[in-house]
Protein backbone atom coordinates (compact mmCIF):
# COMPACT_ATOMS: atom_id res chain seq x y z
CA MET A 1 -23.55 75.30 -2.24
CA TYR A 2 -22.68 71.80 -1.06
CA SER A 3 -19.45 71.64 -3.07
CA LYS A 4 -18.39 75.09 -1.84
CA ALA A 5 -19.05 74.09 1.79
CA MET A 6 -16.98 70.94 1.32
CA GLY A 7 -14.15 72.77 -0.47
CA PHE A 8 -12.26 73.78 2.66
CA VAL A 9 -11.46 71.94 5.87
CA ASP A 10 -9.30 73.57 8.53
CA GLU A 11 -6.54 71.05 9.24
CA LEU A 12 -4.41 73.52 11.19
CA ALA A 13 -4.26 71.42 14.38
CA LEU A 14 -3.10 68.31 12.51
CA GLU A 15 -0.56 70.33 10.55
CA LEU A 16 0.85 71.81 13.74
CA PHE A 17 1.27 68.31 15.13
CA VAL A 18 3.16 67.33 11.97
CA VAL A 19 5.47 70.33 12.44
CA ALA A 20 6.07 69.10 16.00
CA PHE A 21 6.76 65.57 14.69
CA VAL A 22 9.45 67.00 12.37
CA GLY A 23 11.16 68.70 15.28
CA PHE A 24 11.01 65.69 17.59
CA LEU A 25 12.20 63.32 14.84
CA MET A 26 15.17 65.60 14.11
CA ASP A 27 15.98 65.61 17.83
CA TYR A 28 15.84 61.82 17.88
CA VAL A 29 18.20 61.49 14.91
CA ILE A 30 20.77 63.98 16.22
CA LEU A 31 20.71 62.58 19.74
CA GLY A 32 21.24 59.14 18.23
CA MET A 33 24.30 60.50 16.45
CA TYR A 34 25.56 61.94 19.72
CA LYS A 35 25.05 58.58 21.43
CA ASP A 36 27.32 56.95 18.83
CA TYR A 37 29.79 59.83 19.12
CA ARG A 38 29.89 59.57 22.91
CA ALA A 39 30.35 55.79 22.77
CA ARG A 40 33.43 56.17 20.61
CA TYR A 41 35.18 59.22 21.99
CA ILE A 42 34.03 59.48 25.62
CA SER A 43 33.27 55.90 26.66
CA LYS A 44 36.19 54.71 24.48
CA SER A 45 34.25 51.75 23.12
CA ASN A 46 34.80 50.21 19.70
CA SER A 47 31.54 51.65 18.42
CA LYS A 48 31.75 53.56 15.16
CA VAL A 49 30.09 56.93 14.68
CA SER A 50 27.41 56.17 12.10
CA ILE A 51 26.21 59.56 10.88
CA GLU A 52 25.33 58.22 7.44
CA SER A 53 23.47 55.26 8.95
CA ARG A 54 21.46 57.46 11.32
CA LEU A 55 20.53 59.83 8.53
CA GLY A 56 19.75 57.05 6.07
CA ASP A 57 17.48 55.23 8.51
CA SER A 58 15.41 58.39 9.05
CA ILE A 59 14.81 59.63 5.53
CA PHE A 60 11.74 57.52 4.77
CA MET A 61 9.86 59.05 7.69
CA PHE A 62 11.14 62.51 6.77
CA ALA A 63 10.01 61.88 3.18
CA ALA A 64 6.50 60.97 4.36
CA LEU A 65 6.33 64.15 6.46
CA ALA A 66 7.66 66.27 3.58
CA LEU A 67 5.04 64.85 1.21
CA PHE A 68 2.23 65.55 3.67
CA ILE A 69 3.48 69.10 4.33
CA LEU A 70 3.78 69.98 0.65
CA VAL A 71 0.40 68.55 -0.30
CA MET A 72 -1.43 70.14 2.63
CA GLY A 73 0.53 73.37 2.28
CA PHE A 74 -0.52 73.92 -1.32
CA TYR A 75 -4.03 72.76 -0.48
CA GLY A 76 -4.28 75.33 2.31
CA GLU A 77 -2.91 78.14 0.15
CA MET A 78 -5.41 77.44 -2.63
CA THR A 79 -8.59 76.70 -0.69
CA TRP A 80 -8.45 79.05 2.31
CA ASN A 81 -11.77 80.90 2.57
CA LEU A 82 -11.72 82.23 6.12
CA PRO A 83 -11.29 85.95 6.90
CA GLY A 84 -7.81 87.41 7.14
CA ALA A 85 -4.44 86.31 5.84
CA TYR A 86 -3.92 83.34 8.15
CA ASP A 87 -3.21 81.19 5.12
CA LEU A 88 -0.19 83.35 4.27
CA LEU A 89 0.94 83.52 7.89
CA PHE A 90 0.97 79.75 8.31
CA TYR A 91 1.10 78.08 4.91
CA ASP A 92 3.93 80.14 3.42
CA PRO A 93 6.36 78.91 6.11
CA PHE A 94 4.70 75.48 6.06
CA ILE A 95 5.54 75.06 2.38
CA LEU A 96 9.11 76.27 2.99
CA LEU A 97 9.46 73.57 5.64
CA GLY A 98 8.26 70.96 3.15
CA ILE A 99 10.78 72.12 0.53
CA ILE A 100 13.64 72.03 3.05
CA LEU A 101 12.65 68.55 4.23
CA LEU A 102 12.46 67.29 0.66
CA GLY A 103 15.90 68.74 -0.05
CA PHE A 104 17.23 67.08 3.12
CA VAL A 105 15.80 63.69 2.09
CA LEU A 106 17.27 63.91 -1.42
CA SER A 107 20.64 65.08 -0.13
CA VAL A 108 20.89 62.14 2.25
CA LYS A 109 19.56 59.65 -0.29
CA TYR A 110 22.06 60.66 -2.98
CA LYS A 111 24.92 61.35 -0.54
CA GLN A 112 25.19 65.05 -1.32
CA LYS A 113 26.43 67.79 1.00
CA LEU A 114 23.92 68.96 3.59
CA GLN A 115 25.26 72.53 3.64
CA TYR A 116 23.07 73.62 0.70
CA VAL A 117 19.94 72.49 2.54
CA GLY A 118 21.29 74.22 5.62
CA LEU A 119 21.82 77.46 3.72
CA VAL A 120 18.23 77.48 2.47
CA ALA A 121 17.09 76.67 6.03
CA LEU A 122 19.04 79.72 7.24
CA PHE A 123 17.25 82.02 4.79
CA ALA A 124 13.91 80.38 5.60
CA GLY A 125 14.61 80.92 9.29
CA LEU A 126 15.04 84.65 8.72
CA VAL A 127 11.80 84.73 6.72
CA LEU A 128 10.00 82.80 9.46
CA ILE A 129 11.08 85.27 12.12
CA GLU A 130 9.79 88.13 9.96
CA TYR A 131 6.42 86.35 9.57
CA GLY A 132 6.22 85.76 13.30
CA VAL A 133 7.03 89.37 14.20
CA ALA A 134 4.58 90.69 11.60
CA GLY A 135 1.81 88.33 12.80
CA TYR A 136 2.46 89.34 16.39
CA ASN A 137 2.35 93.07 15.59
CA LEU A 138 -0.85 92.67 13.56
CA GLY A 139 -2.56 90.69 16.32
CA TYR A 140 -3.32 87.68 14.14
CA THR A 141 -3.92 85.35 17.07
CA SER A 142 -5.48 85.28 20.50
CA ALA A 143 -2.19 83.90 21.84
CA PRO A 144 0.38 86.34 20.40
CA LEU A 145 3.28 85.23 22.59
CA ASP A 146 2.77 81.58 21.59
CA LEU A 147 2.77 82.63 17.93
CA LEU A 148 5.90 84.71 18.34
CA GLY A 149 7.67 82.00 20.31
CA LEU A 150 6.76 79.33 17.75
CA TYR A 151 8.01 81.34 14.76
CA VAL A 152 11.12 82.74 16.40
CA SER A 153 12.23 79.39 17.84
CA PHE A 154 11.83 77.57 14.52
CA GLY A 155 13.41 80.56 12.77
CA LEU A 156 16.48 80.36 15.01
CA ALA A 157 16.58 76.57 14.49
CA GLY A 158 16.68 77.26 10.74
CA ILE A 159 19.54 79.71 11.20
CA PHE A 160 21.55 77.25 13.31
CA ALA A 161 20.78 74.45 10.85
CA TYR A 162 23.39 75.93 8.51
CA PRO A 163 26.42 75.58 10.83
CA THR A 164 25.07 72.20 11.95
CA ALA A 165 25.00 71.04 8.32
CA LEU A 166 28.55 72.36 7.75
CA ILE A 167 29.78 70.47 10.80
CA LEU A 168 28.13 67.21 9.71
CA ASP A 169 29.60 67.58 6.21
CA LYS A 170 33.07 68.23 7.59
CA TYR A 171 32.80 65.35 10.02
CA LYS A 172 31.77 62.94 7.27
CA GLU A 173 34.60 64.11 5.02
CA ASN A 174 37.15 63.51 7.79
CA GLY A 175 35.90 59.97 8.18
CA SER A 176 35.10 60.48 11.87
CA ASN A 177 38.81 60.14 12.66
CA LYS A 178 38.87 62.59 15.56
CA PRO A 179 36.39 64.17 17.98
CA LEU A 180 34.80 67.52 17.33
CA SER A 181 35.92 70.61 19.16
CA ASN A 182 33.49 71.86 21.81
CA LYS A 183 33.25 75.16 19.91
CA TRP A 184 31.66 73.22 17.04
CA LEU A 185 29.37 71.16 19.23
CA ILE A 186 27.77 74.31 20.67
CA TRP A 187 26.18 75.08 17.28
CA ILE A 188 24.51 71.67 17.23
CA VAL A 189 23.33 72.14 20.81
CA LEU A 190 21.75 75.49 19.91
CA PHE A 191 20.02 73.91 16.92
CA ILE A 192 18.59 71.15 19.13
CA ILE A 193 17.44 73.62 21.80
CA PHE A 194 15.51 75.86 19.42
CA ILE A 195 13.98 73.11 17.30
CA THR A 196 12.82 71.40 20.52
CA ILE A 197 11.24 74.60 21.82
CA GLY A 198 9.51 75.09 18.47
CA ALA A 199 8.25 71.50 18.41
CA VAL A 200 6.84 71.78 21.93
CA LEU A 201 5.09 75.07 21.10
CA ALA A 202 3.68 73.59 17.88
CA ALA A 203 2.32 70.58 19.77
CA PHE A 204 0.89 72.81 22.49
CA THR A 205 -0.77 75.15 19.97
CA GLY A 206 -2.18 72.22 18.01
CA ALA A 207 -3.59 70.61 21.15
CA ALA A 208 -5.15 73.93 22.21
CA ALA A 209 -6.87 74.21 18.80
CA ILE A 210 -8.52 70.78 18.90
CA PRO A 211 -11.52 71.59 21.18
CA SER A 212 -12.56 74.69 19.23
CA HIS A 213 -12.11 72.99 15.85
CA LEU A 214 -14.19 69.99 16.93
CA ALA A 215 -16.89 72.19 18.47
CA ALA A 216 -17.21 74.52 15.48
CA PRO A 217 -15.53 73.13 12.35
CA PRO A 218 -15.31 75.61 9.44
């Protein structure tokens, strides 16, 4: 009885915060790239656009987050013993996020194209939207609009991750010799907008879960 009671701990709030950290860290990296880009092409300074440097400096933190997500994702899938299919609703997309992050880290580390990670993120984004809509229709939460907003925003971020990855690949191949067209920059802006909305909703949902989890832990 004791071992069974200790076999499962609901870490959902912490895991939601980690999802938020991923979004905010990605924002920080991309905005850092834009700062370098603006310094070179708008402010006309001698600064070089250091996409590779920005990505390389971030991968250790992304690797730590990916490891946590994959370990806790598989743990949640295997030990969930609460009623309903909340484990599928949350941990299936959670594991997909871990896989995408791991692919991103390896692609940056070994200087491979990001478009393949972006393509998987696109498909995962479509899957995430389907999970969110299904969870909303089935009433799997007391805050259905928050659930739907969280899944749809991260799903759209996944979709826009693909053109963002293509743009970054193309920019690196061109050696940063000329500025990007505004029609390309809009895809990156959309990616940032939706991943930021998703990160904020994840943080908000995680914070809202803390009191109830501390008052009545499973």
